[in-house]
Amino acid sequence: MINRFFKVNRRDMVYLKFILEAYEGMNVMSTVDNAAGIIRIAIMPGFEDDMDALLAELGKKVKMEPTTWEGDTAGGGF
């Protein structure tokens, strides 16, 4: 699994969760720091290109700033 972390506006978290859940089996989104607006998107192996395309499209509608998270023990990164 590849973990990608993003800083987003807290009001956009529910919208992102709703959209990403529609792509069941490709990813799992979770909030790692609600106060700071940090989310983790865990991408399943083999879906990296599809998720990159989806995240690029979502980034046109929602500000998603790539970031790091000190709790990322699974590696992956960007």
N, C-alpha and C. Protein backbone atom coordinates (compact mmCIF):
# COMPACT_ATOMS: atom_id res chain seq x y z
N MET A 1 0.84 -1.17 0.00
CA MET A 1 0.00 0.00 0.00
C MET A 1 0.89 1.24 0.00
N ILE A 2 0.48 2.23 -0.76
CA ILE A 2 1.20 3.49 -0.82
C ILE A 2 0.37 4.54 -0.09
N ASN A 3 0.99 5.20 0.87
CA ASN A 3 0.30 6.25 1.61
C ASN A 3 0.67 7.61 1.04
N ARG A 4 -0.35 8.41 0.79
CA ARG A 4 -0.14 9.80 0.38
C ARG A 4 -0.90 10.68 1.36
N PHE A 5 -0.26 11.73 1.77
CA PHE A 5 -0.83 12.63 2.77
C PHE A 5 -1.08 14.00 2.13
N PHE A 6 -2.22 14.59 2.50
CA PHE A 6 -2.59 15.89 1.97
C PHE A 6 -3.15 16.76 3.08
N LYS A 7 -2.86 18.04 2.97
CA LYS A 7 -3.50 19.03 3.84
C LYS A 7 -4.67 19.60 3.04
N VAL A 8 -5.85 19.52 3.62
CA VAL A 8 -7.06 20.00 2.95
C VAL A 8 -7.86 20.86 3.92
N ASN A 9 -8.76 21.64 3.36
CA ASN A 9 -9.67 22.40 4.20
C ASN A 9 -10.59 21.40 4.90
N ARG A 10 -10.80 21.58 6.17
CA ARG A 10 -11.61 20.62 6.93
C ARG A 10 -13.01 20.46 6.35
N ARG A 11 -13.56 21.51 5.79
CA ARG A 11 -14.92 21.41 5.23
C ARG A 11 -14.95 20.54 3.97
N ASP A 12 -13.81 20.27 3.35
CA ASP A 12 -13.75 19.44 2.16
C ASP A 12 -13.53 17.95 2.46
N MET A 13 -13.27 17.61 3.71
CA MET A 13 -12.96 16.22 4.06
C MET A 13 -14.12 15.27 3.75
N VAL A 14 -15.32 15.67 4.07
CA VAL A 14 -16.49 14.80 3.84
C VAL A 14 -16.70 14.60 2.34
N TYR A 15 -16.57 15.67 1.57
CA TYR A 15 -16.70 15.58 0.12
C TYR A 15 -15.68 14.61 -0.46
N LEU A 16 -14.42 14.75 -0.06
CA LEU A 16 -13.37 13.87 -0.56
C LEU A 16 -13.64 12.42 -0.16
N LYS A 17 -14.04 12.21 1.07
CA LYS A 17 -14.34 10.85 1.54
C LYS A 17 -15.45 10.24 0.70
N PHE A 18 -16.49 11.01 0.42
CA PHE A 18 -17.62 10.54 -0.38
C PHE A 18 -17.15 10.13 -1.78
N ILE A 19 -16.37 10.97 -2.43
CA ILE A 19 -15.90 10.68 -3.79
C ILE A 19 -14.96 9.47 -3.78
N LEU A 20 -14.01 9.45 -2.87
CA LEU A 20 -13.02 8.37 -2.85
C LEU A 20 -13.65 7.02 -2.49
N GLU A 21 -14.68 7.02 -1.66
CA GLU A 21 -15.36 5.76 -1.33
C GLU A 21 -16.03 5.15 -2.55
N ALA A 22 -16.37 5.97 -3.53
CA ALA A 22 -16.98 5.45 -4.76
C ALA A 22 -16.01 4.58 -5.53
N TYR A 23 -14.73 4.75 -5.28
CA TYR A 23 -13.69 3.96 -5.93
C TYR A 23 -13.23 2.84 -4.99
N GLU A 24 -14.20 2.10 -4.53
CA GLU A 24 -13.99 1.02 -3.57
C GLU A 24 -12.96 0.01 -4.08
N GLY A 25 -12.06 -0.35 -3.22
CA GLY A 25 -11.03 -1.33 -3.56
C GLY A 25 -9.77 -0.70 -4.11
N MET A 26 -9.83 0.58 -4.47
CA MET A 26 -8.65 1.27 -5.00
C MET A 26 -7.89 2.03 -3.92
N ASN A 27 -8.62 2.49 -2.91
CA ASN A 27 -8.00 3.35 -1.89
C ASN A 27 -8.82 3.33 -0.62
N VAL A 28 -8.19 3.86 0.42
CA VAL A 28 -8.86 4.09 1.70
C VAL A 28 -8.42 5.47 2.18
N MET A 29 -9.38 6.34 2.44
CA MET A 29 -9.05 7.66 2.97
C MET A 29 -9.34 7.69 4.45
N SER A 30 -8.43 8.27 5.20
CA SER A 30 -8.65 8.45 6.63
C SER A 30 -8.09 9.79 7.07
N THR A 31 -8.64 10.32 8.14
CA THR A 31 -8.17 11.57 8.71
C THR A 31 -7.11 11.25 9.74
N VAL A 32 -5.94 11.86 9.61
CA VAL A 32 -4.88 11.61 10.59
C VAL A 32 -4.73 12.77 11.57
N ASP A 33 -5.16 13.97 11.18
CA ASP A 33 -5.14 15.12 12.09
C ASP A 33 -6.28 16.05 11.69
N ASN A 34 -7.40 15.91 12.37
CA ASN A 34 -8.59 16.68 12.03
C ASN A 34 -8.35 18.17 12.19
N ALA A 35 -7.70 18.58 13.27
CA ALA A 35 -7.48 20.00 13.52
C ALA A 35 -6.63 20.65 12.44
N ALA A 36 -5.63 19.94 11.95
CA ALA A 36 -4.73 20.47 10.92
C ALA A 36 -5.24 20.20 9.51
N GLY A 37 -6.26 19.36 9.37
CA GLY A 37 -6.80 19.04 8.05
C GLY A 37 -5.92 18.10 7.26
N ILE A 38 -5.27 17.17 7.94
CA ILE A 38 -4.38 16.21 7.27
C ILE A 38 -5.12 14.90 7.05
N ILE A 39 -5.14 14.46 5.78
CA ILE A 39 -5.74 13.18 5.45
C ILE A 39 -4.69 12.24 4.87
N ARG A 40 -4.97 10.96 4.98
CA ARG A 40 -4.11 9.94 4.35
C ARG A 40 -4.96 9.21 3.33
N ILE A 41 -4.40 9.04 2.16
CA ILE A 41 -5.04 8.21 1.14
C ILE A 41 -4.11 7.03 0.92
N ALA A 42 -4.57 5.86 1.32
CA ALA A 42 -3.81 4.62 1.15
C ALA A 42 -4.24 4.01 -0.17
N ILE A 43 -3.30 3.90 -1.09
CA ILE A 43 -3.59 3.41 -2.44
C ILE A 43 -3.16 1.96 -2.56
N MET A 44 -4.08 1.14 -3.03
CA MET A 44 -3.80 -0.28 -3.19
C MET A 44 -2.84 -0.48 -4.37
N PRO A 45 -1.96 -1.47 -4.25
CA PRO A 45 -1.00 -1.74 -5.33
C PRO A 45 -1.73 -1.99 -6.66
N GLY A 46 -1.16 -1.43 -7.71
CA GLY A 46 -1.72 -1.59 -9.05
C GLY A 46 -2.67 -0.47 -9.46
N PHE A 47 -3.06 0.37 -8.51
CA PHE A 47 -3.99 1.45 -8.80
C PHE A 47 -3.34 2.83 -8.73
N GLU A 48 -2.02 2.88 -8.67
CA GLU A 48 -1.32 4.16 -8.50
C GLU A 48 -1.63 5.13 -9.65
N ASP A 49 -1.58 4.67 -10.88
CA ASP A 49 -1.82 5.56 -12.03
C ASP A 49 -3.26 6.06 -12.05
N ASP A 50 -4.20 5.16 -11.79
CA ASP A 50 -5.61 5.56 -11.75
C ASP A 50 -5.86 6.59 -10.65
N MET A 51 -5.27 6.36 -9.48
CA MET A 51 -5.47 7.29 -8.37
C MET A 51 -4.77 8.61 -8.62
N ASP A 52 -3.60 8.59 -9.28
CA ASP A 52 -2.93 9.85 -9.63
C ASP A 52 -3.84 10.69 -10.52
N ALA A 53 -4.49 10.06 -11.49
CA ALA A 53 -5.39 10.77 -12.38
C ALA A 53 -6.60 11.31 -11.61
N LEU A 54 -7.17 10.50 -10.75
CA LEU A 54 -8.32 10.93 -9.96
C LEU A 54 -7.95 12.08 -9.03
N LEU A 55 -6.81 11.97 -8.36
CA LEU A 55 -6.38 13.02 -7.44
C LEU A 55 -6.08 14.32 -8.19
N ALA A 56 -5.56 14.22 -9.39
CA ALA A 56 -5.31 15.42 -10.20
C ALA A 56 -6.64 16.12 -10.53
N GLU A 57 -7.66 15.33 -10.88
CA GLU A 57 -8.98 15.91 -11.16
C GLU A 57 -9.60 16.52 -9.91
N LEU A 58 -9.51 15.80 -8.79
CA LEU A 58 -10.06 16.32 -7.54
C LEU A 58 -9.35 17.61 -7.14
N GLY A 59 -8.04 17.68 -7.42
CA GLY A 59 -7.25 18.86 -7.09
C GLY A 59 -7.70 20.10 -7.85
N LYS A 60 -8.45 19.94 -8.92
CA LYS A 60 -8.99 21.08 -9.66
C LYS A 60 -10.20 21.68 -8.94
N LYS A 61 -10.84 20.87 -8.09
CA LYS A 61 -12.05 21.30 -7.39
C LYS A 61 -11.79 21.61 -5.91
N VAL A 62 -10.83 20.90 -5.34
CA VAL A 62 -10.54 21.01 -3.91
C VAL A 62 -9.04 21.22 -3.74
N LYS A 63 -8.68 22.20 -2.93
CA LYS A 63 -7.26 22.43 -2.68
C LYS A 63 -6.72 21.28 -1.82
N MET A 64 -5.76 20.54 -2.41
CA MET A 64 -5.14 19.41 -1.72
C MET A 64 -3.63 19.61 -1.78
N GLU A 65 -3.04 20.00 -0.68
CA GLU A 65 -1.61 20.27 -0.63
C GLU A 65 -0.87 19.03 -0.15
N PRO A 66 -0.02 18.44 -1.00
CA PRO A 66 0.75 17.27 -0.55
C PRO A 66 1.59 17.63 0.68
N THR A 67 1.65 16.72 1.61
CA THR A 67 2.42 16.95 2.83
C THR A 67 2.99 15.62 3.30
N THR A 68 3.73 15.66 4.36
CA THR A 68 4.26 14.44 4.97
C THR A 68 3.60 14.29 6.34
N TRP A 69 3.73 13.10 6.90
CA TRP A 69 3.17 12.83 8.22
C TRP A 69 4.18 12.00 8.98
N GLU A 70 4.54 12.46 10.15
CA GLU A 70 5.57 11.75 10.92
C GLU A 70 5.15 10.37 11.37
N GLY A 71 3.86 10.08 11.34
CA GLY A 71 3.37 8.77 11.74
C GLY A 71 3.34 7.77 10.61
N ASP A 72 3.88 8.11 9.44
CA ASP A 72 3.84 7.23 8.26
C ASP A 72 4.90 6.14 8.42
N THR A 73 4.49 5.00 8.94
CA THR A 73 5.43 3.89 9.13
C THR A 73 5.41 2.92 7.96
N ALA A 74 4.41 3.05 7.07
CA ALA A 74 4.30 2.14 5.94
C ALA A 74 5.14 2.59 4.74
N GLY A 75 5.71 3.79 4.84
CA GLY A 75 6.49 4.29 3.73
C GLY A 75 5.59 4.76 2.61
N GLY A 76 6.06 4.65 1.41
CA GLY A 76 5.25 5.06 0.27
C GLY A 76 5.54 6.49 -0.11
N GLY A 77 5.05 7.43 0.68
CA GLY A 77 5.28 8.82 0.37
C GLY A 77 4.60 9.25 -0.90
N PHE A 78 5.29 10.05 -1.68
CA PHE A 78 4.70 10.59 -2.90
C PHE A 78 5.25 9.85 -4.07
